[in-house]
PDB file of N, CA and C in Angstrom:
ATOM      1  N   MET A   1      74.668  42.070-216.451  1.00  0.00           N
ATOM      2  CA  MET A   1      75.057  41.149-217.481  1.00  0.00           C
ATOM      3  C   MET A   1      76.560  40.999-217.604  1.00  0.00           C
ATOM      4  N   PRO A   2      77.295  41.215-216.554  1.00  0.00           N
ATOM      5  CA  PRO A   2      78.736  41.036-216.700  1.00  0.00           C
ATOM      6  C   PRO A   2      79.085  39.620-217.141  1.00  0.00           C
ATOM      7  N   VAL A   3      80.058  39.544-218.055  1.00  0.00           N
ATOM      8  CA  VAL A   3      80.586  38.265-218.508  1.00  0.00           C
ATOM      9  C   VAL A   3      82.092  38.302-218.309  1.00  0.00           C
ATOM     10  N   LEU A   4      82.594  37.335-217.582  1.00  0.00           N
ATOM     11  CA  LEU A   4      84.025  37.187-217.375  1.00  0.00           C
ATOM     12  C   LEU A   4      84.452  35.895-218.043  1.00  0.00           C
ATOM     13  N   LYS A   5      85.401  35.998-218.957  1.00  0.00           N
ATOM     14  CA  LYS A   5      85.918  34.817-219.642  1.00  0.00           C
ATOM     15  C   LYS A   5      87.418  34.745-219.379  1.00  0.00           C
ATOM     16  N   VAL A   6      87.840  33.617-218.842  1.00  0.00           N
ATOM     17  CA  VAL A   6      89.250  33.394-218.535  1.00  0.00           C
ATOM     18  C   VAL A   6      89.737  32.217-219.365  1.00  0.00           C
ATOM     19  N   GLN A   7      90.770  32.458-220.147  1.00  0.00           N
ATOM     20  CA  GLN A   7      91.435  31.385-220.880  1.00  0.00           C
ATOM     21  C   GLN A   7      92.848  31.284-220.325  1.00  0.00           C
ATOM     22  N   THR A   8      93.263  30.078-219.998  1.00  0.00           N
ATOM     23  CA  THR A   8      94.576  29.892-219.401  1.00  0.00           C
ATOM     24  C   THR A   8      95.174  28.545-219.794  1.00  0.00           C
ATOM     25  N   ASN A   9      96.484  28.491-219.752  1.00  0.00           N
ATOM     26  CA  ASN A   9      97.169  27.212-219.951  1.00  0.00           C
ATOM     27  C   ASN A   9      97.482  26.560-218.613  1.00  0.00           C
ATOM     28  N   ALA A  10      97.110  27.225-217.520  1.00  0.00           N
ATOM     29  CA  ALA A  10      97.371  26.716-216.168  1.00  0.00           C
ATOM     30  C   ALA A  10      96.328  25.667-215.771  1.00  0.00           C
ATOM     31  N   GLU A  11      96.736  24.812-214.860  1.00  0.00           N
ATOM     32  CA  GLU A  11      95.817  23.839-214.279  1.00  0.00           C
ATOM     33  C   GLU A  11      94.960  24.538-213.223  1.00  0.00           C
ATOM     34  N   VAL A  12      93.695  24.196-213.164  1.00  0.00           N
ATOM     35  CA  VAL A  12      92.794  24.736-212.151  1.00  0.00           C
ATOM     36  C   VAL A  12      92.244  23.548-211.370  1.00  0.00           C
ATOM     37  N   ALA A  13      92.650  23.455-210.104  1.00  0.00           N
ATOM     38  CA  ALA A  13      92.294  22.297-209.286  1.00  0.00           C
ATOM     39  C   ALA A  13      90.788  22.162-209.089  1.00  0.00           C
ATOM     40  N   ASP A  14      90.114  23.244-208.767  1.00  0.00           N
ATOM     41  CA  ASP A  14      88.673  23.209-208.520  1.00  0.00           C
ATOM     42  C   ASP A  14      88.014  24.333-209.322  1.00  0.00           C
ATOM     43  N   LYS A  15      87.751  24.036-210.579  1.00  0.00           N
ATOM     44  CA  LYS A  15      87.212  25.040-211.494  1.00  0.00           C
ATOM     45  C   LYS A  15      85.862  25.578-211.020  1.00  0.00           C
ATOM     46  N   GLN A  16      85.015  24.718-210.504  1.00  0.00           N
ATOM     47  CA  GLN A  16      83.687  25.137-210.026  1.00  0.00           C
ATOM     48  C   GLN A  16      83.821  26.175-208.914  1.00  0.00           C
ATOM     49  N   LYS A  17      84.687  25.905-207.941  1.00  0.00           N
ATOM     50  CA  LYS A  17      84.903  26.829-206.827  1.00  0.00           C
ATOM     51  C   LYS A  17      85.489  28.147-207.328  1.00  0.00           C
ATOM     52  N   MET A  18      86.413  28.067-208.271  1.00  0.00           N
ATOM     53  CA  MET A  18      86.993  29.284-208.833  1.00  0.00           C
ATOM     54  C   MET A  18      85.928  30.139-209.505  1.00  0.00           C
ATOM     55  N   MET A  19      85.040  29.504-210.262  1.00  0.00           N
ATOM     56  CA  MET A  19      83.977  30.252-210.944  1.00  0.00           C
ATOM     57  C   MET A  19      83.007  30.867-209.944  1.00  0.00           C
ATOM     58  N   GLU A  20      82.671  30.124-208.898  1.00  0.00           N
ATOM     59  CA  GLU A  20      81.786  30.657-207.856  1.00  0.00           C
ATOM     60  C   GLU A  20      82.418  31.859-207.162  1.00  0.00           C
ATOM     61  N   ASP A  21      83.705  31.746-206.833  1.00  0.00           N
ATOM     62  CA  ASP A  21      84.395  32.842-206.166  1.00  0.00           C
ATOM     63  C   ASP A  21      84.574  34.045-207.094  1.00  0.00           C
ATOM     64  N   ALA A  22      84.809  33.790-208.372  1.00  0.00           N
ATOM     65  CA  ALA A  22      84.918  34.884-209.345  1.00  0.00           C
ATOM     66  C   ALA A  22      83.579  35.610-209.484  1.00  0.00           C
ATOM     67  N   THR A  23      82.491  34.864-209.428  1.00  0.00           N
ATOM     68  CA  THR A  23      81.157  35.456-209.474  1.00  0.00           C
ATOM     69  C   THR A  23      80.950  36.395-208.289  1.00  0.00           C
ATOM     70  N   GLU A  24      81.316  35.941-207.111  1.00  0.00           N
ATOM     71  CA  GLU A  24      81.208  36.775-205.898  1.00  0.00           C
ATOM     72  C   GLU A  24      82.064  38.029-206.021  1.00  0.00           C
ATOM     73  N   LEU A  25      83.297  37.858-206.502  1.00  0.00           N
ATOM     74  CA  LEU A  25      84.202  38.991-206.658  1.00  0.00           C
ATOM     75  C   LEU A  25      83.626  40.022-207.622  1.00  0.00           C
ATOM     76  N   LEU A  26      83.140  39.564-208.764  1.00  0.00           N
ATOM     77  CA  LEU A  26      82.551  40.489-209.746  1.00  0.00           C
ATOM     78  C   LEU A  26      81.337  41.203-209.185  1.00  0.00           C
ATOM     79  N   SER A  27      80.512  40.488-208.460  1.00  0.00           N
ATOM     80  CA  SER A  27      79.338  41.105-207.855  1.00  0.00           C
ATOM     81  C   SER A  27      79.752  42.254-206.938  1.00  0.00           C
ATOM     82  N   GLN A  28      80.807  42.044-206.185  1.00  0.00           N
ATOM     83  CA  GLN A  28      81.286  43.079-205.267  1.00  0.00           C
ATOM     84  C   GLN A  28      81.913  44.253-206.004  1.00  0.00           C
ATOM     85  N   ILE A  29      82.840  43.983-206.914  1.00  0.00           N
ATOM     86  CA  ILE A  29      83.572  45.094-207.526  1.00  0.00           C
ATOM     87  C   ILE A  29      82.751  45.847-208.569  1.00  0.00           C
ATOM     88  N   LEU A  30      81.800  45.165-209.210  1.00  0.00           N
ATOM     89  CA  LEU A  30      80.968  45.835-210.209  1.00  0.00           C
ATOM     90  C   LEU A  30      79.632  46.302-209.641  1.00  0.00           C
ATOM     91  N   ARG A  31      79.332  45.858-208.417  1.00  0.00           N
ATOM     92  CA  ARG A  31      78.065  46.203-207.772  1.00  0.00           C
ATOM     93  C   ARG A  31      76.875  45.764-208.642  1.00  0.00           C
ATOM     94  N   LYS A  32      76.954  44.499-209.068  1.00  0.00           N
ATOM     95  CA  LYS A  32      75.901  43.912-209.907  1.00  0.00           C
ATOM     96  C   LYS A  32      75.368  42.656-209.212  1.00  0.00           C
ATOM     97  N   PRO A  33      74.079  42.364-209.399  1.00  0.00           N
ATOM     98  CA  PRO A  33      73.496  41.159-208.794  1.00  0.00           C
ATOM     99  C   PRO A  33      74.103  39.882-209.376  1.00  0.00           C
ATOM    100  N   ILE A  34      74.318  38.907-208.515  1.00  0.00           N
ATOM    101  CA  ILE A  34      74.902  37.629-208.932  1.00  0.00           C
ATOM    102  C   ILE A  34      74.086  36.963-210.033  1.00  0.00           C
ATOM    103  N   GLN A  35      72.770  37.112-209.999  1.00  0.00           N
ATOM    104  CA  GLN A  35      71.933  36.396-210.968  1.00  0.00           C
ATOM    105  C   GLN A  35      72.174  36.826-212.420  1.00  0.00           C
ATOM    106  N   TYR A  36      72.894  37.933-212.639  1.00  0.00           N
ATOM    107  CA  TYR A  36      73.184  38.376-214.006  1.00  0.00           C
ATOM    108  C   TYR A  36      74.618  38.101-214.435  1.00  0.00           C
ATOM    109  N   ILE A  37      75.451  37.567-213.554  1.00  0.00           N
ATOM    110  CA  ILE A  37      76.877  37.398-213.838  1.00  0.00           C
ATOM    111  C   ILE A  37      77.153  36.024-214.439  1.00  0.00           C
ATOM    112  N   MET A  38      77.889  36.025-215.549  1.00  0.00           N
ATOM    113  CA  MET A  38      78.315  34.787-216.198  1.00  0.00           C
ATOM    114  C   MET A  38      79.832  34.701-216.117  1.00  0.00           C
ATOM    115  N   VAL A  39      80.340  33.528-215.764  1.00  0.00           N
ATOM    116  CA  VAL A  39      81.777  33.281-215.697  1.00  0.00           C
ATOM    117  C   VAL A  39      82.093  32.045-216.527  1.00  0.00           C
ATOM    118  N   ILE A  40      83.087  32.193-217.389  1.00  0.00           N
ATOM    119  CA  ILE A  40      83.536  31.098-218.253  1.00  0.00           C
ATOM    120  C   ILE A  40      85.023  30.901-217.979  1.00  0.00           C
ATOM    121  N   VAL A  41      85.435  29.672-217.719  1.00  0.00           N
ATOM    122  CA  VAL A  41      86.848  29.374-217.502  1.00  0.00           C
ATOM    123  C   VAL A  41      87.244  28.237-218.432  1.00  0.00           C
ATOM    124  N   GLU A  42      88.205  28.514-219.292  1.00  0.00           N
ATOM    125  CA  GLU A  42      88.749  27.514-220.203  1.00  0.00           C
ATOM    126  C   GLU A  42      90.182  27.226-219.769  1.00  0.00           C
ATOM    127  N   THR A  43      90.459  25.976-219.442  1.00  0.00           N
ATOM    128  CA  THR A  43      91.792  25.604-218.988  1.00  0.00           C
ATOM    129  C   THR A  43      92.499  24.741-220.023  1.00  0.00           C
ATOM    130  N   ASN A  44      93.781  24.567-219.803  1.00  0.00           N
ATOM    131  CA  ASN A  44      94.618  23.750-220.688  1.00  0.00           C
ATOM    132  C   ASN A  44      94.566  24.227-222.140  1.00  0.00           C
ATOM    133  N   VAL A  45      94.453  25.539-222.319  1.00  0.00           N
ATOM    134  CA  VAL A  45      94.429  26.133-223.651  1.00  0.00           C
ATOM    135  C   VAL A  45      95.872  26.267-224.145  1.00  0.00           C
ATOM    136  N   ASP A  46      96.112  25.920-225.404  1.00  0.00           N
ATOM    137  CA  ASP A  46      97.446  26.109-225.987  1.00  0.00           C
ATOM    138  C   ASP A  46      97.678  27.604-226.164  1.00  0.00           C
ATOM    139  N   MET A  47      98.665  28.142-225.447  1.00  0.00           N
ATOM    140  CA  MET A  47      98.914  29.582-225.448  1.00  0.00           C
ATOM    141  C   MET A  47     100.411  29.855-225.310  1.00  0.00           C
ATOM    142  N   LEU A  48     100.849  30.963-225.891  1.00  0.00           N
ATOM    143  CA  LEU A  48     102.203  31.469-225.703  1.00  0.00           C
ATOM    144  C   LEU A  48     102.125  32.942-225.350  1.00  0.00           C
ATOM    145  N   PHE A  49     103.015  33.398-224.503  1.00  0.00           N
ATOM    146  CA  PHE A  49     103.150  34.819-224.188  1.00  0.00           C
ATOM    147  C   PHE A  49     104.638  35.093-224.028  1.00  0.00           C
ATOM    148  N   ALA A  50     105.128  36.110-224.676  1.00  0.00           N
ATOM    149  CA  ALA A  50     106.558  36.447-224.652  1.00  0.00           C
ATOM    150  C   ALA A  50     107.400  35.268-225.145  1.00  0.00           C
ATOM    151  N   GLY A  51     106.823  34.500-226.062  1.00  0.00           N
ATOM    152  CA  GLY A  51     107.557  33.406-226.682  1.00  0.00           C
ATOM    153  C   GLY A  51     107.661  32.128-225.884  1.00  0.00           C
ATOM    154  N   ASN A  52     106.938  32.034-224.750  1.00  0.00           N
ATOM    155  CA  ASN A  52     107.003  30.792-223.979  1.00  0.00           C
ATOM    156  C   ASN A  52     105.627  30.446-223.422  1.00  0.00           C
ATOM    157  N   ASP A  53     105.534  29.214-222.928  1.00  0.00           N
ATOM    158  CA  ASP A  53     104.247  28.724-222.437  1.00  0.00           C
ATOM    159  C   ASP A  53     104.191  28.598-220.918  1.00  0.00           C
ATOM    160  N   LYS A  54     104.989  29.401-220.203  1.00  0.00           N
ATOM    161  CA  LYS A  54     104.856  29.450-218.749  1.00  0.00           C
ATOM    162  C   LYS A  54     103.433  29.886-218.438  1.00  0.00           C
ATOM    163  N   PRO A  55     102.916  29.594-217.242  1.00  0.00           N
ATOM    164  CA  PRO A  55     101.515  29.920-216.944  1.00  0.00           C
ATOM    165  C   PRO A  55     101.136  31.357-217.314  1.00  0.00           C
ATOM    166  N   LEU A  56     100.001  31.459-218.012  1.00  0.00           N
ATOM    167  CA  LEU A  56      99.501  32.752-218.465  1.00  0.00           C
ATOM    168  C   LEU A  56      97.987  32.707-218.568  1.00  0.00           C
ATOM    169  N   ALA A  57      97.400  33.881-218.701  1.00  0.00           N
ATOM    170  CA  ALA A  57      95.936  33.955-218.839  1.00  0.00           C
ATOM    171  C   ALA A  57      95.556  35.144-219.703  1.00  0.00           C
ATOM    172  N   TYR A  58      94.521  34.939-220.486  1.00  0.00           N
ATOM    173  CA  TYR A  58      93.872  36.009-221.240  1.00  0.00           C
ATOM    174  C   TYR A  58      92.456  36.103-220.693  1.00  0.00           C
ATOM    175  N   VAL A  59      92.066  37.312-220.322  1.00  0.00           N
ATOM    176  CA  VAL A  59      90.788  37.536-219.647  1.00  0.00           C
ATOM    177  C   VAL A  59      89.993  38.578-220.412  1.00  0.00           C
ATOM    178  N   GLU A  60      88.698  38.330-220.563  1.00  0.00           N
ATOM    179  CA  GLU A  60      87.783  39.316-221.135  1.00  0.00           C
ATOM    180  C   GLU A  60      86.713  39.620-220.097  1.00  0.00           C
ATOM    181  N   LEU A  61      86.480  40.904-219.888  1.00  0.00           N
ATOM    182  CA  LEU A  61      85.395  41.326-219.006  1.00  0.00           C
ATOM    183  C   LEU A  61      84.517  42.303-219.769  1.00  0.00           C
ATOM    184  N   LYS A  62      83.273  41.918-219.951  1.00  0.00           N
ATOM    185  CA  LYS A  62      82.299  42.762-220.637  1.00  0.00           C
ATOM    186  C   LYS A  62      81.162  43.038-219.670  1.00  0.00           C
ATOM    187  N   SER A  63      80.741  44.299-219.610  1.00  0.00           N
ATOM    188  CA  SER A  63      79.649  44.649-218.710  1.00  0.00           C
ATOM    189  C   SER A  63      78.998  45.941-219.168  1.00  0.00           C
ATOM    190  N   ILE A  64      77.699  46.023-218.982  1.00  0.00           N
ATOM    191  CA  ILE A  64      76.978  47.267-219.251  1.00  0.00           C
ATOM    192  C   ILE A  64      77.418  48.293-218.216  1.00  0.00           C
ATOM    193  N   GLY A  65      77.792  49.466-218.681  1.00  0.00           N
ATOM    194  CA  GLY A  65      78.162  50.546-217.773  1.00  0.00           C
ATOM    195  C   GLY A  65      79.567  50.444-217.212  1.00  0.00           C
ATOM    196  N   LEU A  66      80.426  49.665-217.836  1.00  0.00           N
ATOM    197  CA  LEU A  66      81.803  49.545-217.377  1.00  0.00           C
ATOM    198  C   LEU A  66      82.528  50.860-217.658  1.00  0.00           C
ATOM    199  N   SER A  67      83.053  51.454-216.616  1.00  0.00           N
ATOM    200  CA  SER A  67      83.690  52.760-216.726  1.00  0.00           C
ATOM    201  C   SER A  67      85.202  52.636-216.862  1.00  0.00           C
ATOM    202  N   GLU A  68      85.779  53.450-217.738  1.00  0.00           N
ATOM    203  CA  GLU A  68      87.230  53.477-217.883  1.00  0.00           C
ATOM    204  C   GLU A  68      87.908  53.882-216.576  1.00  0.00           C
ATOM    205  N   ASN A  69      87.225  54.632-215.749  1.00  0.00           N
ATOM    206  CA  ASN A  69      87.781  55.072-214.471  1.00  0.00           C
ATOM    207  C   ASN A  69      87.962  53.914-213.498  1.00  0.00           C
ATOM    208  N   GLU A  70      87.251  52.816-213.720  1.00  0.00           N
ATOM    209  CA  GLU A  70      87.298  51.667-212.808  1.00  0.00           C
ATOM    210  C   GLU A  70      88.241  50.559-213.265  1.00  0.00           C
ATOM    211  N   THR A  71      88.669  50.583-214.519  1.00  0.00           N
ATOM    212  CA  THR A  71      89.399  49.433-215.058  1.00  0.00           C
ATOM    213  C   THR A  71      90.735  49.175-214.356  1.00  0.00           C
ATOM    214  N   THR A  72      91.409  50.211-213.906  1.00  0.00           N
ATOM    215  CA  THR A  72      92.673  50.007-213.192  1.00  0.00           C
ATOM    216  C   THR A  72      92.449  49.208-211.918  1.00  0.00           C
ATOM    217  N   TYR A  73      91.412  49.568-211.184  1.00  0.00           N
ATOM    218  CA  TYR A  73      91.103  48.873-209.926  1.00  0.00           C
ATOM    219  C   TYR A  73      90.606  47.448-210.186  1.00  0.00           C
ATOM    220  N   ILE A  74      89.787  47.305-211.194  1.00  0.00           N
ATOM    221  CA  ILE A  74      89.276  45.978-211.539  1.00  0.00           C
ATOM    222  C   ILE A  74      90.425  45.079-211.994  1.00  0.00           C
ATOM    223  N   SER A  75      91.340  45.638-212.784  1.00  0.00           N
ATOM    224  CA  SER A  75      92.502  44.882-213.240  1.00  0.00           C
ATOM    225  C   SER A  75      93.306  44.376-212.049  1.00  0.00           C
ATOM    226  N   ALA A  76      93.535  45.233-211.072  1.00  0.00           N
ATOM    227  CA  ALA A  76      94.284  44.825-209.877  1.00  0.00           C
ATOM    228  C   ALA A  76      93.569  43.697-209.147  1.00  0.00           C
ATOM    229  N   ASP A  77      92.262  43.831-208.971  1.00  0.00           N
ATOM    230  CA  ASP A  77      91.487  42.799-208.271  1.00  0.00           C
ATOM    231  C   ASP A  77      91.513  41.466-209.016  1.00  0.00           C
ATOM    232  N   LEU A  78      91.308  41.510-210.332  1.00  0.00           N
ATOM    233  CA  LEU A  78      91.299  40.271-211.116  1.00  0.00           C
ATOM    234  C   LEU A  78      92.677  39.628-211.166  1.00  0.00           C
ATOM    235  N   CYS A  79      93.728  40.437-211.329  1.00  0.00           N
ATOM    236  CA  CYS A  79      95.083  39.885-211.356  1.00  0.00           C
ATOM    237  C   CYS A  79      95.439  39.250-210.017  1.00  0.00           C
ATOM    238  N   ASN A  80      95.094  39.911-208.929  1.00  0.00           N
ATOM    239  CA  ASN A  80      95.346  39.330-207.604  1.00  0.00           C
ATOM    240  C   ASN A  80      94.609  38.006-207.438  1.00  0.00           C
ATOM    241  N   PHE A  81      93.363  37.990-207.869  1.00  0.00           N
ATOM    242  CA  PHE A  81      92.543  36.781-207.773  1.00  0.00           C
ATOM    243  C   PHE A  81      93.176  35.630-208.559  1.00  0.00           C
ATOM    244  N   LEU A  82      93.560  35.897-209.808  1.00  0.00           N
ATOM    245  CA  LEU A  82      94.114  34.838-210.657  1.00  0.00           C
ATOM    246  C   LEU A  82      95.491  34.387-210.181  1.00  0.00           C
ATOM    247  N   GLU A  83      96.289  35.324-209.698  1.00  0.00           N
ATOM    248  CA  GLU A  83      97.601  34.943-209.192  1.00  0.00           C
ATOM    249  C   GLU A  83      97.462  34.035-207.968  1.00  0.00           C
ATOM    250  N   GLU A  84      96.514  34.368-207.106  1.00  0.00           N
ATOM    251  CA  GLU A  84      96.280  33.562-205.911  1.00  0.00           C
ATOM    252  C   GLU A  84      95.688  32.191-206.249  1.00  0.00           C
ATOM    253  N   ARG A  85      94.688  32.173-207.132  1.00  0.00           N
ATOM    254  CA  ARG A  85      93.955  30.934-207.420  1.00  0.00           C
ATOM    255  C   ARG A  85      94.667  29.972-208.341  1.00  0.00           C
ATOM    256  N   ILE A  86      95.262  30.491-209.415  1.00  0.00           N
ATOM    257  CA  ILE A  86      95.839  29.569-210.405  1.00  0.00           C
ATOM    258  C   ILE A  86      97.329  29.806-210.627  1.00  0.00           C
ATOM    259  N   LYS A  87      97.916  30.646-209.778  1.00  0.00           N
ATOM    260  CA  LYS A  87      99.377  30.861-209.777  1.00  0.00           C
ATOM    261  C   LYS A  87      99.910  31.424-211.090  1.00  0.00           C
ATOM    262  N   VAL A  88      99.108  32.243-211.760  1.00  0.00           N
ATOM    263  CA  VAL A  88      99.587  32.939-212.947  1.00  0.00           C
ATOM    264  C   VAL A  88     100.091  34.311-212.488  1.00  0.00           C
ATOM    265  N   PRO A  89     101.370  34.616-212.733  1.00  0.00           N
ATOM    266  CA  PRO A  89     101.894  35.913-212.324  1.00  0.00           C
ATOM    267  C   PRO A  89     101.146  37.069-213.011  1.00  0.00           C
ATOM    268  N   LYS A  90     101.011  38.156-212.306  1.00  0.00           N
ATOM    269  CA  LYS A  90     100.273  39.314-212.820  1.00  0.00           C
ATOM    270  C   LYS A  90     100.836  39.828-214.145  1.00  0.00           C
ATOM    271  N   ASP A  91     102.152  39.686-214.322  1.00  0.00           N
ATOM    272  CA  ASP A  91     102.758  40.189-215.562  1.00  0.00           C
ATOM    273  C   ASP A  91     102.599  39.216-216.729  1.00  0.00           C
ATOM    274  N   ARG A  92     101.805  38.148-216.507  1.00  0.00           N
ATOM    275  CA  ARG A  92     101.499  37.201-217.586  1.00  0.00           C
ATOM    276  C   ARG A  92      99.990  37.087-217.783  1.00  0.00           C
ATOM    277  N   ILE A  93      99.297  38.176-217.443  1.00  0.00           N
ATOM    278  CA  ILE A  93      97.845  38.242-217.600  1.00  0.00           C
ATOM    279  C   ILE A  93      97.493  39.475-218.430  1.00  0.00           C
ATOM    280  N   TYR A  94      96.742  39.270-219.482  1.00  0.00           N
ATOM    281  CA  TYR A  94      96.152  40.372-220.243  1.00  0.00           C
ATOM    282  C   TYR A  94      94.657  40.373-219.952  1.00  0.00           C
ATOM    283  N   ILE A  95      94.098  41.569-219.770  1.00  0.00           N
ATOM    284  CA  ILE A  95      92.656  41.712-219.556  1.00  0.00           C
ATOM    285  C   ILE A  95      92.114  42.687-220.585  1.00  0.00           C
ATOM    286  N   GLU A  96      91.098  42.254-221.307  1.00  0.00           N
ATOM    287  CA  GLU A  96      90.401  43.126-222.257  1.00  0.00           C
ATOM    288  C   GLU A  96      89.067  43.529-221.643  1.00  0.00           C
ATOM    289  N   PHE A  97      88.859  44.830-221.502  1.00  0.00           N
ATOM    290  CA  PHE A  97      87.621  45.355-220.945  1.00  0.00           C
ATOM    291  C   PHE A  97      86.726  45.843-222.073  1.00  0.00           C
ATOM    292  N   ALA A  98      85.425  45.636-221.938  1.00  0.00           N
ATOM    293  CA  ALA A  98      84.477  46.124-222.934  1.00  0.00           C
ATOM    294  C   ALA A  98      83.202  46.589-222.239  1.00  0.00           C
ATOM    295  N   ASP A  99      82.791  47.791-222.568  1.00  0.00           N
ATOM    296  CA  ASP A  99      81.523  48.334-222.084  1.00  0.00           C
ATOM    297  C   ASP A  99      80.460  47.975-223.113  1.00  0.00           C
ATOM    298  N   ALA A 100      79.480  47.211-222.710  1.00  0.00           N
ATOM    299  CA  ALA A 100      78.430  46.761-223.625  1.00  0.00           C
ATOM    300  C   ALA A 100      77.263  47.744-223.619  1.00  0.00           C
ATOM    301  N   LYS A 101      76.761  48.042-224.806  1.00  0.00           N
ATOM    302  CA  LYS A 101      75.549  48.851-224.905  1.00  0.00           C
ATOM    303  C   LYS A 101      74.357  47.967-224.564  1.00  0.00           C
ATOM    304  N   ARG A 102      73.408  48.500-223.829  1.00  0.00           N
ATOM    305  CA  ARG A 102      72.233  47.723-223.407  1.00  0.00           C
ATOM    306  C   ARG A 102      71.492  47.081-224.584  1.00  0.00           C
ATOM    307  N   ASP A 103      71.312  47.831-225.643  1.00  0.00           N
ATOM    308  CA  ASP A 103      70.537  47.310-226.771  1.00  0.00           C
ATOM    309  C   ASP A 103      71.349  46.393-227.680  1.00  0.00           C
ATOM    310  N   MET A 104      72.633  46.179-227.349  1.00  0.00           N
ATOM    311  CA  MET A 104      73.476  45.289-228.141  1.00  0.00           C
ATOM    312  C   MET A 104      73.817  44.005-227.387  1.00  0.00           C
ATOM    313  N   PHE A 105      73.092  43.754-226.293  1.00  0.00           N
ATOM    314  CA  PHE A 105      73.314  42.544-225.514  1.00  0.00           C
ATOM    315  C   PHE A 105      71.972  41.906-225.224  1.00  0.00           C
ATOM    316  N   GLY A 106      71.775  40.712-225.765  1.00  0.00           N
ATOM    317  CA  GLY A 106      70.491  40.037-225.619  1.00  0.00           C
ATOM    318  C   GLY A 106      70.434  39.145-224.406  1.00  0.00           C
ATOM    319  N   TRP A 107      69.224  39.008-223.886  1.00  0.00           N
ATOM    320  CA  TRP A 107      68.955  38.115-222.760  1.00  0.00           C
ATOM    321  C   TRP A 107      67.451  37.894-222.658  1.00  0.00           C
ATOM    322  N   ASN A 108      67.050  36.674-222.388  1.00  0.00           N
ATOM    323  CA  ASN A 108      65.665  36.343-222.090  1.00  0.00           C
ATOM    324  C   ASN A 108      64.701  36.774-223.200  1.00  0.00           C
ATOM    325  N   GLY A 109      65.147  36.625-224.429  1.00  0.00           N
ATOM    326  CA  GLY A 109      64.283  36.964-225.569  1.00  0.00           C
ATOM    327  C   GLY A 109      64.224  38.436-225.903  1.00  0.00           C
ATOM    328  N   GLY A 110      65.032  39.233-225.233  1.00  0.00           N
ATOM    329  CA  GLY A 110      65.070  40.681-225.502  1.00  0.00           C
ATOM    330  C   GLY A 110      66.480  41.199-225.324  1.00  0.00           C
ATOM    331  N   THR A 111      66.587  42.454-224.988  1.00  0.00           N
ATOM    332  CA  THR A 111      67.888  43.042-224.698  1.00  0.00           C
ATOM    333  C   THR A 111      67.803  43.720-223.332  1.00  0.00           C
ATOM    334  N   PHE A 112      68.944  44.119-222.818  1.00  0.00           N
ATOM    335  CA  PHE A 112      68.971  44.776-221.531  1.00  0.00           C
ATOM    336  C   PHE A 112      68.540  46.231-221.670  1.00  0.00           C
TER     337      PHE A 112
END
């Protein structure tokens, strides 16, 4: 049930392709099946970081079983991905990680 949400003020030329590639990346780094991964990308969001509106991104990653031991590596992978795809420098990206409890995340009329 990983959910990746990216909010950015940057332009994204091919949002569909970016979401598909982000899905593949998450499947690999989290070792989760693609059919459970959700990716949300919001572009042209009014945002400021360090007092200016140069390209930036705020990212949320929520997943059942997300380990604190993995967040450094995941952060590197996601920052590299976003810097390559939408040209947001790594030092202008914040990522919020959240480990979801199975019984606190609903799907298909029940919970995980």
